[in-house]
Amino acid sequence: MAKESMKAREVKRAKMVARYAEKRAKFMADGDYEALQSIPRNASPVRLHNRCKLTGRPKGYMRQFGLSRIQFREMASKGLIPGVKKASW
């Protein structure tokens, strides 16, 4: 499990990106890079990092399911993810 502070920081960044998205797009369209520097750094969408919805793990993230590889494997084995089953041949 990730630290709660790391999860909270990620949520805070996501809110800030959403808040400044319109303003950021306007500055980018105008080519006003000096005004763009006045926006907080955490308002940049590049600074967001995908995390597992259940554990908050940042590595081994599967975008299609929103889970880390470990949680995905556990849930798939238990049959909790529809349409996914263990391969066998």
C-alpha atoms as a PDB file:
ATOM      1  CA  MET A   1       0.000   0.000   0.000  1.00  0.00           C
ATOM      2  CA  ALA A   2       1.162   3.488  -0.831  1.00  0.00           C
ATOM      3  CA  LYS A   3       1.378   6.105   1.861  1.00  0.00           C
ATOM      4  CA  GLU A   4      -1.842   8.060   2.300  1.00  0.00           C
ATOM      5  CA  SER A   5       0.109  11.300   1.874  1.00  0.00           C
ATOM      6  CA  MET A   6       1.245  10.212  -1.597  1.00  0.00           C
ATOM      7  CA  LYS A   7      -2.311   9.352  -2.639  1.00  0.00           C
ATOM      8  CA  ALA A   8      -3.557  12.693  -1.303  1.00  0.00           C
ATOM      9  CA  ARG A   9      -0.807  14.568  -3.132  1.00  0.00           C
ATOM     10  CA  GLU A  10      -1.814  12.925  -6.406  1.00  0.00           C
ATOM     11  CA  VAL A  11      -5.472  13.881  -5.876  1.00  0.00           C
ATOM     12  CA  LYS A  12      -4.457  17.448  -5.073  1.00  0.00           C
ATOM     13  CA  ARG A  13      -2.395  17.650  -8.279  1.00  0.00           C
ATOM     14  CA  ALA A  14      -5.302  16.307 -10.356  1.00  0.00           C
ATOM     15  CA  LYS A  15      -7.610  18.990  -8.967  1.00  0.00           C
ATOM     16  CA  MET A  16      -5.040  21.693  -9.683  1.00  0.00           C
ATOM     17  CA  VAL A  17      -4.576  20.491 -13.283  1.00  0.00           C
ATOM     18  CA  ALA A  18      -8.340  20.654 -13.807  1.00  0.00           C
ATOM     19  CA  ARG A  19      -8.556  24.108 -12.237  1.00  0.00           C
ATOM     20  CA  TYR A  20      -5.853  25.652 -14.450  1.00  0.00           C
ATOM     21  CA  ALA A  21      -6.534  23.700 -17.676  1.00  0.00           C
ATOM     22  CA  GLU A  22      -8.483  26.471 -19.414  1.00  0.00           C
ATOM     23  CA  LYS A  23      -6.058  29.200 -18.410  1.00  0.00           C
ATOM     24  CA  ARG A  24      -3.090  27.055 -19.445  1.00  0.00           C
ATOM     25  CA  ALA A  25      -4.621  26.311 -22.864  1.00  0.00           C
ATOM     26  CA  LYS A  26      -5.237  30.017 -23.454  1.00  0.00           C
ATOM     27  CA  PHE A  27      -1.628  30.939 -22.658  1.00  0.00           C
ATOM     28  CA  MET A  28      -0.316  28.119 -24.870  1.00  0.00           C
ATOM     29  CA  ALA A  29      -2.522  29.210 -27.791  1.00  0.00           C
ATOM     30  CA  ASP A  30      -1.316  32.822 -27.469  1.00  0.00           C
ATOM     31  CA  GLY A  31       2.309  31.736 -27.085  1.00  0.00           C
ATOM     32  CA  ASP A  32       2.544  33.740 -23.853  1.00  0.00           C
ATOM     33  CA  TYR A  33       5.218  31.701 -22.095  1.00  0.00           C
ATOM     34  CA  GLU A  34       5.979  34.327 -19.456  1.00  0.00           C
ATOM     35  CA  ALA A  35       2.374  34.211 -18.240  1.00  0.00           C
ATOM     36  CA  LEU A  36       2.534  30.415 -18.395  1.00  0.00           C
ATOM     37  CA  GLN A  37       5.375  30.501 -15.878  1.00  0.00           C
ATOM     38  CA  SER A  38       3.135  32.278 -13.375  1.00  0.00           C
ATOM     39  CA  ILE A  39       0.904  29.180 -13.148  1.00  0.00           C
ATOM     40  CA  PRO A  40       1.917  26.710 -10.392  1.00  0.00           C
ATOM     41  CA  ARG A  41       4.139  23.831 -11.486  1.00  0.00           C
ATOM     42  CA  ASN A  42       1.722  21.206 -10.195  1.00  0.00           C
ATOM     43  CA  ALA A  43      -0.883  22.550 -12.627  1.00  0.00           C
ATOM     44  CA  SER A  44       0.990  20.853 -15.465  1.00  0.00           C
ATOM     45  CA  PRO A  45      -0.647  17.588 -16.605  1.00  0.00           C
ATOM     46  CA  VAL A  46       2.813  16.082 -17.129  1.00  0.00           C
ATOM     47  CA  ARG A  47       3.317  15.954 -13.359  1.00  0.00           C
ATOM     48  CA  LEU A  48       0.389  13.571 -12.830  1.00  0.00           C
ATOM     49  CA  HIS A  49       1.232   9.930 -12.255  1.00  0.00           C
ATOM     50  CA  ASN A  50      -1.109   6.965 -12.676  1.00  0.00           C
ATOM     51  CA  ARG A  51      -1.757   4.982  -9.503  1.00  0.00           C
ATOM     52  CA  CYS A  52      -3.659   1.794  -8.699  1.00  0.00           C
ATOM     53  CA  LYS A  53      -7.215   2.598  -7.579  1.00  0.00           C
ATOM     54  CA  LEU A  54      -7.080   0.038  -4.761  1.00  0.00           C
ATOM     55  CA  THR A  55      -3.569   0.224  -3.358  1.00  0.00           C
ATOM     56  CA  GLY A  56      -2.096   3.431  -4.761  1.00  0.00           C
ATOM     57  CA  ARG A  57       0.889   1.564  -6.212  1.00  0.00           C
ATOM     58  CA  PRO A  58       2.571   3.771  -8.868  1.00  0.00           C
ATOM     59  CA  LYS A  59       4.487   1.056 -10.721  1.00  0.00           C
ATOM     60  CA  GLY A  60       3.097  -1.774 -12.819  1.00  0.00           C
ATOM     61  CA  TYR A  61      -0.066   0.198 -13.603  1.00  0.00           C
ATOM     62  CA  MET A  62      -2.463  -1.258 -16.188  1.00  0.00           C
ATOM     63  CA  ARG A  63      -4.236   1.667 -17.814  1.00  0.00           C
ATOM     64  CA  GLN A  64      -7.148  -0.350 -19.215  1.00  0.00           C
ATOM     65  CA  PHE A  65      -8.208  -1.521 -15.748  1.00  0.00           C
ATOM     66  CA  GLY A  66      -6.847   1.217 -13.476  1.00  0.00           C
ATOM     67  CA  LEU A  67      -5.077  -1.384 -11.322  1.00  0.00           C
ATOM     68  CA  SER A  68      -1.539  -2.446 -10.571  1.00  0.00           C
ATOM     69  CA  ARG A  69      -0.354  -5.745 -12.046  1.00  0.00           C
ATOM     70  CA  ILE A  70      -0.516  -7.420  -8.628  1.00  0.00           C
ATOM     71  CA  GLN A  71      -4.124  -6.429  -7.918  1.00  0.00           C
ATOM     72  CA  PHE A  72      -5.092  -7.272 -11.488  1.00  0.00           C
ATOM     73  CA  ARG A  73      -3.708 -10.808 -11.161  1.00  0.00           C
ATOM     74  CA  GLU A  74      -5.440 -11.406  -7.810  1.00  0.00           C
ATOM     75  CA  MET A  75      -8.791 -10.146  -9.054  1.00  0.00           C
ATOM     76  CA  ALA A  76      -8.544 -12.039 -12.352  1.00  0.00           C
ATOM     77  CA  SER A  77      -7.743 -15.276 -10.507  1.00  0.00           C
ATOM     78  CA  LYS A  78     -10.804 -14.809  -8.280  1.00  0.00           C
ATOM     79  CA  GLY A  79     -12.965 -14.059 -11.334  1.00  0.00           C
ATOM     80  CA  LEU A  80     -13.767 -10.497 -10.244  1.00  0.00           C
ATOM     81  CA  ILE A  81     -12.883  -8.901 -13.588  1.00  0.00           C
ATOM     82  CA  PRO A  82     -15.477  -9.710 -16.271  1.00  0.00           C
ATOM     83  CA  GLY A  83     -14.130 -11.060 -19.539  1.00  0.00           C
ATOM     84  CA  VAL A  84     -10.690 -11.928 -18.146  1.00  0.00           C
ATOM     85  CA  LYS A  85      -9.582 -15.472 -17.469  1.00  0.00           C
ATOM     86  CA  LYS A  86      -6.262 -17.187 -16.962  1.00  0.00           C
ATOM     87  CA  ALA A  87      -4.720 -18.530 -20.139  1.00  0.00           C
ATOM     88  CA  SER A  88      -4.155 -22.283 -20.378  1.00  0.00           C
ATOM     89  CA  TRP A  89      -3.114 -24.474 -23.268  1.00  0.00           C
END
